[in-house]
Amino acid sequence: MKNAEVLINNLPMIAVDKYDRVEKAFIECHIKVHAFVRDNRLFVSAEYGDNAADYEAGYIAPELIEFAEINKGYWDWYDAGCIVLSC
């Protein structure tokens, strides 16, 4: 696996819908995920409500899945609160 410190800097932004009070409509925005490195492993939090991952729904953002595939890896649930990149 590539160095997790390098990978964290290359994480993609994910698409989310935010409500625009001026336009009175939802607009698509791209945001950074909440990620951290521990023991040279890359983790992404699923606890910020940013739609990066949802344990109950079994959901991981498509941008993150594509990122893992490009880096010849996959996301695994570390616990209900975060995912970890495995290669």
Protein backbone atom coordinates (compact mmCIF):
# COMPACT_ATOMS: atom_id res chain seq x y z
CA MET A 1 0.00 0.00 0.00
CA LYS A 2 1.11 3.53 -0.68
CA ASN A 3 2.05 5.68 2.27
CA ALA A 4 -1.15 6.76 4.03
CA GLU A 5 0.22 10.29 4.46
CA VAL A 6 0.46 10.59 0.67
CA LEU A 7 -2.97 9.04 0.11
CA ILE A 8 -4.74 11.38 2.55
CA ASN A 9 -3.56 14.37 0.52
CA ASN A 10 -5.05 12.85 -2.63
CA LEU A 11 -8.50 11.96 -1.28
CA PRO A 12 -11.25 13.16 -3.59
CA MET A 13 -13.90 15.63 -2.64
CA ILE A 14 -17.37 14.12 -2.47
CA ALA A 15 -20.60 15.50 -3.91
CA VAL A 16 -23.31 16.50 -1.44
CA ASP A 17 -26.55 18.41 -1.77
CA LYS A 18 -26.81 21.55 0.34
CA TYR A 19 -29.86 23.76 0.67
CA ASP A 20 -29.30 27.30 -0.62
CA ARG A 21 -31.61 29.67 1.25
CA VAL A 22 -31.24 32.41 -1.36
CA GLU A 23 -32.02 30.17 -4.32
CA LYS A 24 -34.48 28.15 -2.21
CA ALA A 25 -33.23 24.95 -3.77
CA PHE A 26 -30.70 22.21 -3.23
CA ILE A 27 -27.40 22.67 -5.01
CA GLU A 28 -24.59 20.19 -5.47
CA CYS A 29 -21.41 21.05 -3.58
CA HIS A 30 -18.11 19.21 -3.29
CA ILE A 31 -16.57 18.87 0.16
CA LYS A 32 -13.54 17.26 1.75
CA VAL A 33 -14.12 14.21 3.89
CA HIS A 34 -12.96 13.99 7.49
CA ALA A 35 -9.94 11.71 7.29
CA PHE A 36 -6.99 10.79 9.48
CA VAL A 37 -3.97 8.49 9.53
CA ARG A 38 -3.24 6.05 12.33
CA ASP A 39 -0.54 3.34 12.22
CA ASN A 40 0.06 4.20 8.53
CA ARG A 41 -3.58 3.35 7.72
CA LEU A 42 -6.00 5.78 6.12
CA PHE A 43 -9.35 6.24 7.89
CA VAL A 44 -12.40 8.25 6.80
CA SER A 45 -14.99 9.19 9.40
CA ALA A 46 -18.64 8.30 8.89
CA GLU A 47 -19.78 10.45 11.82
CA TYR A 48 -19.87 13.96 10.36
CA GLY A 49 -23.08 13.69 8.36
CA ASP A 50 -21.18 14.55 5.19
CA ASN A 51 -22.38 11.47 3.30
CA ALA A 52 -18.89 9.93 3.08
CA ALA A 53 -20.16 6.65 4.50
CA ASP A 54 -23.16 5.25 6.33
CA TYR A 55 -22.81 1.98 8.23
CA GLU A 56 -26.55 1.37 8.66
CA ALA A 57 -27.21 1.77 4.93
CA GLY A 58 -24.02 -0.04 3.91
CA TYR A 59 -23.08 3.04 1.88
CA ILE A 60 -19.66 4.40 0.89
CA ALA A 61 -19.47 7.44 -1.39
CA PRO A 62 -18.76 6.46 -5.00
CA GLU A 63 -15.86 8.92 -5.16
CA LEU A 64 -14.19 7.04 -2.30
CA ILE A 65 -14.83 3.65 -3.89
CA GLU A 66 -13.25 4.87 -7.13
CA PHE A 67 -10.27 6.26 -5.18
CA ALA A 68 -9.73 2.87 -3.51
CA GLU A 69 -9.91 1.03 -6.84
CA ILE A 70 -7.40 3.41 -8.44
CA ASN A 71 -5.05 2.66 -5.55
CA LYS A 72 -5.67 -1.09 -5.89
CA GLY A 73 -7.53 -1.33 -2.61
CA TYR A 74 -10.97 -1.31 -1.03
CA TRP A 75 -12.73 0.26 1.92
CA ASP A 76 -13.54 -1.87 4.93
CA TRP A 77 -15.58 -0.92 7.98
CA TYR A 78 -13.24 -0.39 10.95
CA ASP A 79 -16.27 0.18 13.15
CA ALA A 80 -19.67 1.82 12.72
CA GLY A 81 -17.99 5.24 12.84
CA CYS A 82 -15.31 4.98 10.17
CA ILE A 83 -13.94 3.14 7.18
CA VAL A 84 -10.34 2.16 6.58
CA LEU A 85 -8.52 1.71 3.28
CA SER A 86 -7.17 -1.82 2.80
CA CYS A 87 -4.77 -2.74 0.02
